[in-house]
PDB file of N, CA and C in Angstrom:
ATOM      1  N   MET A   1       0.845  -1.160   0.000  1.00  0.00           N
ATOM      2  CA  MET A   1       0.000   0.000   0.000  1.00  0.00           C
ATOM      3  C   MET A   1       0.899   1.235   0.000  1.00  0.00           C
ATOM      4  N   GLU A   2       0.424   2.308  -0.581  1.00  0.00           N
ATOM      5  CA  GLU A   2       1.195   3.548  -0.662  1.00  0.00           C
ATOM      6  C   GLU A   2       0.343   4.717  -0.194  1.00  0.00           C
ATOM      7  N   TRP A   3       0.999   5.625   0.544  1.00  0.00           N
ATOM      8  CA  TRP A   3       0.370   6.844   1.021  1.00  0.00           C
ATOM      9  C   TRP A   3       1.196   8.014   0.545  1.00  0.00           C
ATOM     10  N   HIS A   4       0.561   9.172   0.460  1.00  0.00           N
ATOM     11  CA  HIS A   4       1.254  10.420   0.144  1.00  0.00           C
ATOM     12  C   HIS A   4       0.898  11.439   1.205  1.00  0.00           C
ATOM     13  N   SER A   5       1.892  12.211   1.578  1.00  0.00           N
ATOM     14  CA  SER A   5       1.685  13.267   2.547  1.00  0.00           C
ATOM     15  C   SER A   5       2.570  14.438   2.150  1.00  0.00           C
ATOM     16  N   GLU A   6       2.492  15.494   2.918  1.00  0.00           N
ATOM     17  CA  GLU A   6       3.344  16.660   2.676  1.00  0.00           C
ATOM     18  C   GLU A   6       4.093  16.997   3.947  1.00  0.00           C
ATOM     19  N   LEU A   7       5.355  17.369   3.773  1.00  0.00           N
ATOM     20  CA  LEU A   7       6.122  17.890   4.894  1.00  0.00           C
ATOM     21  C   LEU A   7       5.507  19.211   5.324  1.00  0.00           C
ATOM     22  N   PRO A   8       5.817  19.677   6.511  1.00  0.00           N
ATOM     23  CA  PRO A   8       5.295  20.973   6.941  1.00  0.00           C
ATOM     24  C   PRO A   8       5.630  22.119   5.975  1.00  0.00           C
ATOM     25  N   ASP A   9       6.718  21.967   5.193  1.00  0.00           N
ATOM     26  CA  ASP A   9       7.070  23.026   4.229  1.00  0.00           C
ATOM     27  C   ASP A   9       6.430  22.807   2.867  1.00  0.00           C
ATOM     28  N   GLY A  10       5.573  21.775   2.721  1.00  0.00           N
ATOM     29  CA  GLY A  10       4.838  21.543   1.487  1.00  0.00           C
ATOM     30  C   GLY A  10       5.439  20.521   0.541  1.00  0.00           C
ATOM     31  N   ARG A  11       6.610  19.997   0.833  1.00  0.00           N
ATOM     32  CA  ARG A  11       7.227  18.985  -0.039  1.00  0.00           C
ATOM     33  C   ARG A  11       6.459  17.671   0.059  1.00  0.00           C
ATOM     34  N   ASP A  12       6.390  16.968  -1.073  1.00  0.00           N
ATOM     35  CA  ASP A  12       5.691  15.694  -1.132  1.00  0.00           C
ATOM     36  C   ASP A  12       6.536  14.580  -0.526  1.00  0.00           C
ATOM     37  N   VAL A  13       5.863  13.686   0.183  1.00  0.00           N
ATOM     38  CA  VAL A  13       6.497  12.503   0.760  1.00  0.00           C
ATOM     39  C   VAL A  13       5.659  11.302   0.336  1.00  0.00           C
ATOM     40  N   ALA A  14       6.321  10.298  -0.234  1.00  0.00           N
ATOM     41  CA  ALA A  14       5.646   9.060  -0.617  1.00  0.00           C
ATOM     42  C   ALA A  14       6.078   7.973   0.368  1.00  0.00           C
ATOM     43  N   ILE A  15       5.114   7.222   0.869  1.00  0.00           N
ATOM     44  CA  ILE A  15       5.368   6.202   1.881  1.00  0.00           C
ATOM     45  C   ILE A  15       4.785   4.885   1.387  1.00  0.00           C
ATOM     46  N   ARG A  16       5.617   3.853   1.395  1.00  0.00           N
ATOM     47  CA  ARG A  16       5.149   2.525   0.998  1.00  0.00           C
ATOM     48  C   ARG A  16       5.431   1.536   2.119  1.00  0.00           C
ATOM     49  N   ARG A  17       4.526   0.588   2.266  1.00  0.00           N
ATOM     50  CA  ARG A  17       4.671  -0.473   3.261  1.00  0.00           C
ATOM     51  C   ARG A  17       4.936  -1.775   2.527  1.00  0.00           C
ATOM     52  N   THR A  18       6.004  -2.464   2.894  1.00  0.00           N
ATOM     53  CA  THR A  18       6.267  -3.808   2.382  1.00  0.00           C
ATOM     54  C   THR A  18       6.022  -4.788   3.521  1.00  0.00           C
ATOM     55  N   ASP A  19       6.224  -6.065   3.258  1.00  0.00           N
ATOM     56  CA  ASP A  19       6.051  -7.056   4.327  1.00  0.00           C
ATOM     57  C   ASP A  19       7.039  -6.842   5.463  1.00  0.00           C
ATOM     58  N   GLU A  20       8.245  -6.380   5.130  1.00  0.00           N
ATOM     59  CA  GLU A  20       9.290  -6.252   6.138  1.00  0.00           C
ATOM     60  C   GLU A  20       9.487  -4.847   6.678  1.00  0.00           C
ATOM     61  N   ASP A  21       9.252  -3.821   5.848  1.00  0.00           N
ATOM     62  CA  ASP A  21       9.621  -2.483   6.289  1.00  0.00           C
ATOM     63  C   ASP A  21       8.833  -1.394   5.579  1.00  0.00           C
ATOM     64  N   TRP A  22       9.203  -0.160   5.919  1.00  0.00           N
ATOM     65  CA  TRP A  22       8.617   1.041   5.328  1.00  0.00           C
ATOM     66  C   TRP A  22       9.649   1.667   4.405  1.00  0.00           C
ATOM     67  N   ILE A  23       9.198   2.189   3.268  1.00  0.00           N
ATOM     68  CA  ILE A  23      10.066   2.899   2.337  1.00  0.00           C
ATOM     69  C   ILE A  23       9.496   4.306   2.186  1.00  0.00           C
ATOM     70  N   VAL A  24      10.361   5.301   2.390  1.00  0.00           N
ATOM     71  CA  VAL A  24       9.933   6.693   2.323  1.00  0.00           C
ATOM     72  C   VAL A  24      10.763   7.418   1.283  1.00  0.00           C
ATOM     73  N   ASP A  25      10.090   8.083   0.346  1.00  0.00           N
ATOM     74  CA  ASP A  25      10.747   8.926  -0.658  1.00  0.00           C
ATOM     75  C   ASP A  25      10.402  10.371  -0.357  1.00  0.00           C
ATOM     76  N   CYS A  26      11.454  11.185  -0.276  1.00  0.00           N
ATOM     77  CA  CYS A  26      11.300  12.619  -0.028  1.00  0.00           C
ATOM     78  C   CYS A  26      12.268  13.317  -0.974  1.00  0.00           C
ATOM     79  N   GLY A  27      11.724  13.999  -1.988  1.00  0.00           N
ATOM     80  CA  GLY A  27      12.603  14.607  -2.987  1.00  0.00           C
ATOM     81  C   GLY A  27      13.435  13.543  -3.675  1.00  0.00           C
ATOM     82  N   GLU A  28      14.739  13.710  -3.656  1.00  0.00           N
ATOM     83  CA  GLU A  28      15.651  12.740  -4.258  1.00  0.00           C
ATOM     84  C   GLU A  28      16.106  11.669  -3.270  1.00  0.00           C
ATOM     85  N   SER A  29      15.639  11.747  -2.049  1.00  0.00           N
ATOM     86  CA  SER A  29      16.104  10.850  -0.986  1.00  0.00           C
ATOM     87  C   SER A  29      15.130   9.711  -0.751  1.00  0.00           C
ATOM     88  N   ARG A  30      15.685   8.556  -0.393  1.00  0.00           N
ATOM     89  CA  ARG A  30      14.888   7.379  -0.052  1.00  0.00           C
ATOM     90  C   ARG A  30      15.476   6.766   1.216  1.00  0.00           C
ATOM     91  N   ALA A  31      14.593   6.352   2.104  1.00  0.00           N
ATOM     92  CA  ALA A  31      15.024   5.673   3.326  1.00  0.00           C
ATOM     93  C   ALA A  31      14.127   4.463   3.546  1.00  0.00           C
ATOM     94  N   ARG A  32      14.700   3.469   4.220  1.00  0.00           N
ATOM     95  CA  ARG A  32      13.989   2.224   4.493  1.00  0.00           C
ATOM     96  C   ARG A  32      14.268   1.829   5.942  1.00  0.00           C
ATOM     97  N   SER A  33      13.199   1.448   6.652  1.00  0.00           N
ATOM     98  CA  SER A  33      13.346   1.019   8.038  1.00  0.00           C
ATOM     99  C   SER A  33      12.136   0.180   8.430  1.00  0.00           C
ATOM    100  N   GLN A  34      12.312  -0.613   9.477  1.00  0.00           N
ATOM    101  CA  GLN A  34      11.178  -1.347  10.032  1.00  0.00           C
ATOM    102  C   GLN A  34      10.242  -0.412  10.786  1.00  0.00           C
ATOM    103  N   ASN A  35      10.735   0.759  11.161  1.00  0.00           N
ATOM    104  CA  ASN A  35       9.941   1.757  11.884  1.00  0.00           C
ATOM    105  C   ASN A  35       9.674   2.945  10.970  1.00  0.00           C
ATOM    106  N   LEU A  36       8.413   3.286  10.795  1.00  0.00           N
ATOM    107  CA  LEU A  36       8.054   4.365   9.877  1.00  0.00           C
ATOM    108  C   LEU A  36       8.647   5.696  10.299  1.00  0.00           C
ATOM    109  N   ASP A  37       8.583   6.037  11.580  1.00  0.00           N
ATOM    110  CA  ASP A  37       9.115   7.332  11.992  1.00  0.00           C
ATOM    111  C   ASP A  37      10.613   7.432  11.728  1.00  0.00           C
ATOM    112  N   VAL A  38      11.340   6.325  11.871  1.00  0.00           N
ATOM    113  CA  VAL A  38      12.779   6.326  11.581  1.00  0.00           C
ATOM    114  C   VAL A  38      13.013   6.560  10.088  1.00  0.00           C
ATOM    115  N   ALA A  39      12.259   5.867   9.234  1.00  0.00           N
ATOM    116  CA  ALA A  39      12.413   6.038   7.785  1.00  0.00           C
ATOM    117  C   ALA A  39      12.062   7.469   7.375  1.00  0.00           C
ATOM    118  N   LEU A  40      11.019   8.036   7.960  1.00  0.00           N
ATOM    119  CA  LEU A  40      10.646   9.415   7.650  1.00  0.00           C
ATOM    120  C   LEU A  40      11.768  10.387   8.001  1.00  0.00           C
ATOM    121  N   VAL A  41      12.294  10.279   9.204  1.00  0.00           N
ATOM    122  CA  VAL A  41      13.346  11.196   9.643  1.00  0.00           C
ATOM    123  C   VAL A  41      14.614  11.009   8.808  1.00  0.00           C
ATOM    124  N   GLN A  42      14.967   9.767   8.487  1.00  0.00           N
ATOM    125  CA  GLN A  42      16.154   9.528   7.658  1.00  0.00           C
ATOM    126  C   GLN A  42      15.997  10.148   6.278  1.00  0.00           C
ATOM    127  N   ALA A  43      14.835   9.981   5.662  1.00  0.00           N
ATOM    128  CA  ALA A  43      14.610  10.549   4.330  1.00  0.00           C
ATOM    129  C   ALA A  43      14.633  12.073   4.376  1.00  0.00           C
ATOM    130  N   ILE A  44      14.048  12.649   5.417  1.00  0.00           N
ATOM    131  CA  ILE A  44      14.028  14.105   5.561  1.00  0.00           C
ATOM    132  C   ILE A  44      15.440  14.639   5.753  1.00  0.00           C
ATOM    133  N   ARG A  45      16.194  14.007   6.622  1.00  0.00           N
ATOM    134  CA  ARG A  45      17.559  14.475   6.898  1.00  0.00           C
ATOM    135  C   ARG A  45      18.471  14.333   5.690  1.00  0.00           C
ATOM    136  N   ALA A  46      18.206  13.334   4.856  1.00  0.00           N
ATOM    137  CA  ALA A  46      19.035  13.128   3.662  1.00  0.00           C
ATOM    138  C   ALA A  46      18.733  14.153   2.574  1.00  0.00           C
ATOM    139  N   GLU A  47      17.565  14.764   2.636  1.00  0.00           N
ATOM    140  CA  GLU A  47      17.165  15.754   1.642  1.00  0.00           C
ATOM    141  C   GLU A  47      17.782  17.097   2.047  1.00  0.00           C
ATOM    142  N   GLY A  48      18.792  17.528   1.328  1.00  0.00           N
ATOM    143  CA  GLY A  48      19.605  18.682   1.689  1.00  0.00           C
ATOM    144  C   GLY A  48      18.850  19.953   1.983  1.00  0.00           C
ATOM    145  N   GLU A  49      17.918  20.349   1.119  1.00  0.00           N
ATOM    146  CA  GLU A  49      17.196  21.602   1.317  1.00  0.00           C
ATOM    147  C   GLU A  49      16.323  21.555   2.570  1.00  0.00           C
ATOM    148  N   VAL A  50      15.791  20.396   2.879  1.00  0.00           N
ATOM    149  CA  VAL A  50      14.971  20.260   4.077  1.00  0.00           C
ATOM    150  C   VAL A  50      15.863  20.311   5.308  1.00  0.00           C
ATOM    151  N   ALA A  51      16.984  19.598   5.256  1.00  0.00           N
ATOM    152  CA  ALA A  51      17.897  19.551   6.403  1.00  0.00           C
ATOM    153  C   ALA A  51      18.422  20.931   6.756  1.00  0.00           C
ATOM    154  N   ALA A  52      18.545  21.805   5.759  1.00  0.00           N
ATOM    155  CA  ALA A  52      19.084  23.141   5.998  1.00  0.00           C
ATOM    156  C   ALA A  52      18.222  23.959   6.948  1.00  0.00           C
ATOM    157  N   HIS A  53      16.912  23.742   6.946  1.00  0.00           N
ATOM    158  CA  HIS A  53      16.052  24.491   7.853  1.00  0.00           C
ATOM    159  C   HIS A  53      15.279  23.587   8.812  1.00  0.00           C
ATOM    160  N   ALA A  54      15.804  22.397   9.049  1.00  0.00           N
ATOM    161  CA  ALA A  54      15.118  21.424   9.906  1.00  0.00           C
ATOM    162  C   ALA A  54      14.927  21.921  11.330  1.00  0.00           C
ATOM    163  N   ARG A  55      15.810  22.783  11.808  1.00  0.00           N
ATOM    164  CA  ARG A  55      15.660  23.281  13.174  1.00  0.00           C
ATOM    165  C   ARG A  55      14.465  24.211  13.294  1.00  0.00           C
ATOM    166  N   GLU A  56      14.064  24.824  12.198  1.00  0.00           N
ATOM    167  CA  GLU A  56      12.923  25.739  12.230  1.00  0.00           C
ATOM    168  C   GLU A  56      11.605  24.982  12.324  1.00  0.00           C
ATOM    169  N   VAL A  57      11.568  23.769  11.823  1.00  0.00           N
ATOM    170  CA  VAL A  57      10.348  22.961  11.796  1.00  0.00           C
ATOM    171  C   VAL A  57      10.598  21.705  12.624  1.00  0.00           C
ATOM    172  N   ARG A  58       9.615  21.295  13.366  1.00  0.00           N
ATOM    173  CA  ARG A  58       9.764  20.112  14.218  1.00  0.00           C
ATOM    174  C   ARG A  58       9.446  18.847  13.415  1.00  0.00           C
ATOM    175  N   TYR A  59      10.375  18.454  12.550  1.00  0.00           N
ATOM    176  CA  TYR A  59      10.149  17.297  11.685  1.00  0.00           C
ATOM    177  C   TYR A  59      10.018  15.997  12.468  1.00  0.00           C
ATOM    178  N   ALA A  60      10.770  15.852  13.548  1.00  0.00           N
ATOM    179  CA  ALA A  60      10.686  14.612  14.330  1.00  0.00           C
ATOM    180  C   ALA A  60       9.285  14.441  14.911  1.00  0.00           C
ATOM    181  N   ALA A  61       8.726  15.508  15.441  1.00  0.00           N
ATOM    182  CA  ALA A  61       7.365  15.440  15.988  1.00  0.00           C
ATOM    183  C   ALA A  61       6.356  15.181  14.877  1.00  0.00           C
ATOM    184  N   TRP A  62       6.543  15.835  13.733  1.00  0.00           N
ATOM    185  CA  TRP A  62       5.652  15.617  12.587  1.00  0.00           C
ATOM    186  C   TRP A  62       5.723  14.152  12.136  1.00  0.00           C
ATOM    187  N   ALA A  63       6.949  13.602  12.050  1.00  0.00           N
ATOM    188  CA  ALA A  63       7.136  12.213  11.622  1.00  0.00           C
ATOM    189  C   ALA A  63       6.458  11.247  12.587  1.00  0.00           C
ATOM    190  N   ARG A  64       6.594  11.492  13.881  1.00  0.00           N
ATOM    191  CA  ARG A  64       5.969  10.625  14.883  1.00  0.00           C
ATOM    192  C   ARG A  64       4.446  10.678  14.768  1.00  0.00           C
ATOM    193  N   ASP A  65       3.892  11.879  14.589  1.00  0.00           N
ATOM    194  CA  ASP A  65       2.439  12.019  14.453  1.00  0.00           C
ATOM    195  C   ASP A  65       1.929  11.294  13.210  1.00  0.00           C
ATOM    196  N   LEU A  66       2.642  11.436  12.094  1.00  0.00           N
ATOM    197  CA  LEU A  66       2.227  10.764  10.863  1.00  0.00           C
ATOM    198  C   LEU A  66       2.340   9.252  11.013  1.00  0.00           C
ATOM    199  N   ALA A  67       3.433   8.781  11.611  1.00  0.00           N
ATOM    200  CA  ALA A  67       3.618   7.340  11.824  1.00  0.00           C
ATOM    201  C   ALA A  67       2.490   6.788  12.690  1.00  0.00           C
ATOM    202  N   ASP A  68       2.130   7.509  13.740  1.00  0.00           N
ATOM    203  CA  ASP A  68       1.028   7.066  14.602  1.00  0.00           C
ATOM    204  C   ASP A  68      -0.290   7.014  13.839  1.00  0.00           C
ATOM    205  N   ALA A  69      -0.557   8.019  13.014  1.00  0.00           N
ATOM    206  CA  ALA A  69      -1.800   8.053  12.248  1.00  0.00           C
ATOM    207  C   ALA A  69      -1.873   6.891  11.256  1.00  0.00           C
ATOM    208  N   LEU A  70      -0.764   6.606  10.576  1.00  0.00           N
ATOM    209  CA  LEU A  70      -0.770   5.491   9.626  1.00  0.00           C
ATOM    210  C   LEU A  70      -0.861   4.152  10.343  1.00  0.00           C
ATOM    211  N   ALA A  71      -0.205   4.019  11.488  1.00  0.00           N
ATOM    212  CA  ALA A  71      -0.303   2.780  12.261  1.00  0.00           C
ATOM    213  C   ALA A  71      -1.735   2.563  12.735  1.00  0.00           C
ATOM    214  N   ASP A  72      -2.386   3.638  13.187  1.00  0.00           N
ATOM    215  CA  ASP A  72      -3.792   3.536  13.592  1.00  0.00           C
ATOM    216  C   ASP A  72      -4.657   3.122  12.409  1.00  0.00           C
ATOM    217  N   GLY A  73      -4.373   3.670  11.234  1.00  0.00           N
ATOM    218  CA  GLY A  73      -5.111   3.316  10.027  1.00  0.00           C
ATOM    219  C   GLY A  73      -4.910   1.870   9.642  1.00  0.00           C
ATOM    220  N   GLU A  74      -3.682   1.370   9.789  1.00  0.00           N
ATOM    221  CA  GLU A  74      -3.419  -0.044   9.485  1.00  0.00           C
ATOM    222  C   GLU A  74      -4.171  -0.949  10.453  1.00  0.00           C
ATOM    223  N   ARG A  75      -4.190  -0.602  11.724  1.00  0.00           N
ATOM    224  CA  ARG A  75      -4.926  -1.403  12.706  1.00  0.00           C
ATOM    225  C   ARG A  75      -6.422  -1.369  12.392  1.00  0.00           C
ATOM    226  N   GLU A  76      -6.911  -0.186  12.004  1.00  0.00           N
ATOM    227  CA  GLU A  76      -8.320  -0.037  11.649  1.00  0.00           C
ATOM    228  C   GLU A  76      -8.643  -0.886  10.431  1.00  0.00           C
ATOM    229  N   MET A  77      -7.754  -0.875   9.441  1.00  0.00           N
ATOM    230  CA  MET A  77      -7.985  -1.645   8.228  1.00  0.00           C
ATOM    231  C   MET A  77      -7.984  -3.138   8.539  1.00  0.00           C
ATOM    232  N   SER A  78      -7.083  -3.585   9.402  1.00  0.00           N
ATOM    233  CA  SER A  78      -7.028  -4.997   9.764  1.00  0.00           C
ATOM    234  C   SER A  78      -8.310  -5.433  10.457  1.00  0.00           C
ATOM    235  N   ALA A  79      -8.847  -4.548  11.274  1.00  0.00           N
ATOM    236  CA  ALA A  79     -10.053  -4.884  12.033  1.00  0.00           C
ATOM    237  C   ALA A  79     -11.307  -4.846  11.175  1.00  0.00           C
ATOM    238  N   THR A  80     -11.359  -3.926  10.205  1.00  0.00           N
ATOM    239  CA  THR A  80     -12.584  -3.742   9.439  1.00  0.00           C
ATOM    240  C   THR A  80     -12.477  -4.186   7.982  1.00  0.00           C
ATOM    241  N   LYS A  81     -11.261  -4.451   7.538  1.00  0.00           N
ATOM    242  CA  LYS A  81     -10.998  -4.795   6.133  1.00  0.00           C
ATOM    243  C   LYS A  81     -11.317  -3.642   5.194  1.00  0.00           C
ATOM    244  N   SER A  82     -11.379  -2.417   5.729  1.00  0.00           N
ATOM    245  CA  SER A  82     -11.601  -1.217   4.929  1.00  0.00           C
ATOM    246  C   SER A  82     -10.308  -0.418   4.884  1.00  0.00           C
ATOM    247  N   PRO A  83     -10.085   0.385   3.832  1.00  0.00           N
ATOM    248  CA  PRO A  83      -8.883   1.202   3.773  1.00  0.00           C
ATOM    249  C   PRO A  83      -8.863   2.229   4.887  1.00  0.00           C
ATOM    250  N   PRO A  84      -7.657   2.576   5.388  1.00  0.00           N
ATOM    251  CA  PRO A  84      -7.562   3.609   6.412  1.00  0.00           C
ATOM    252  C   PRO A  84      -7.942   4.966   5.860  1.00  0.00           C
ATOM    253  N   ARG A  85      -8.308   5.892   6.750  1.00  0.00           N
ATOM    254  CA  ARG A  85      -8.637   7.247   6.319  1.00  0.00           C
ATOM    255  C   ARG A  85      -7.364   7.947   5.882  1.00  0.00           C
ATOM    256  N   GLY A  86      -7.516   8.950   5.011  1.00  0.00           N
ATOM    257  CA  GLY A  86      -6.374   9.723   4.546  1.00  0.00           C
ATOM    258  C   GLY A  86      -6.083   9.420   3.096  1.00  0.00           C
ATOM    259  N   ARG A  87      -5.055  10.065   2.586  1.00  0.00           N
ATOM    260  CA  ARG A  87      -4.684   9.869   1.178  1.00  0.00           C
ATOM    261  C   ARG A  87      -3.876   8.601   1.051  1.00  0.00           C
ATOM    262  N   HIS A  88      -4.307   7.720   0.178  1.00  0.00           N
ATOM    263  CA  HIS A  88      -3.550   6.502  -0.097  1.00  0.00           C
ATOM    264  C   HIS A  88      -3.910   5.997  -1.481  1.00  0.00           C
ATOM    265  N   ASN A  89      -3.048   5.147  -1.990  1.00  0.00           N
ATOM    266  CA  ASN A  89      -3.270   4.543  -3.315  1.00  0.00           C
ATOM    267  C   ASN A  89      -3.331   3.049  -3.161  1.00  0.00           C
TER     268      ASN A  89
END
């Protein structure tokens, strides 16, 4: 399954779930981790223009909130067999 979101500065983030891990694309950067918030932060930090002003925006908190929302959606989907709320493909 794939989701799309935006960073607080408006950049697009693509998130995919595989059987083993999460894959996050942010600009030209890609990160992979078993933990979504880790993959999000790694992809954000690897993206140079975002990293330059990362102290101005709380990306770690944003990543944790998004990871929690997607995890809640996955649990909801497992329980109801319906897609989670939010943008997804």
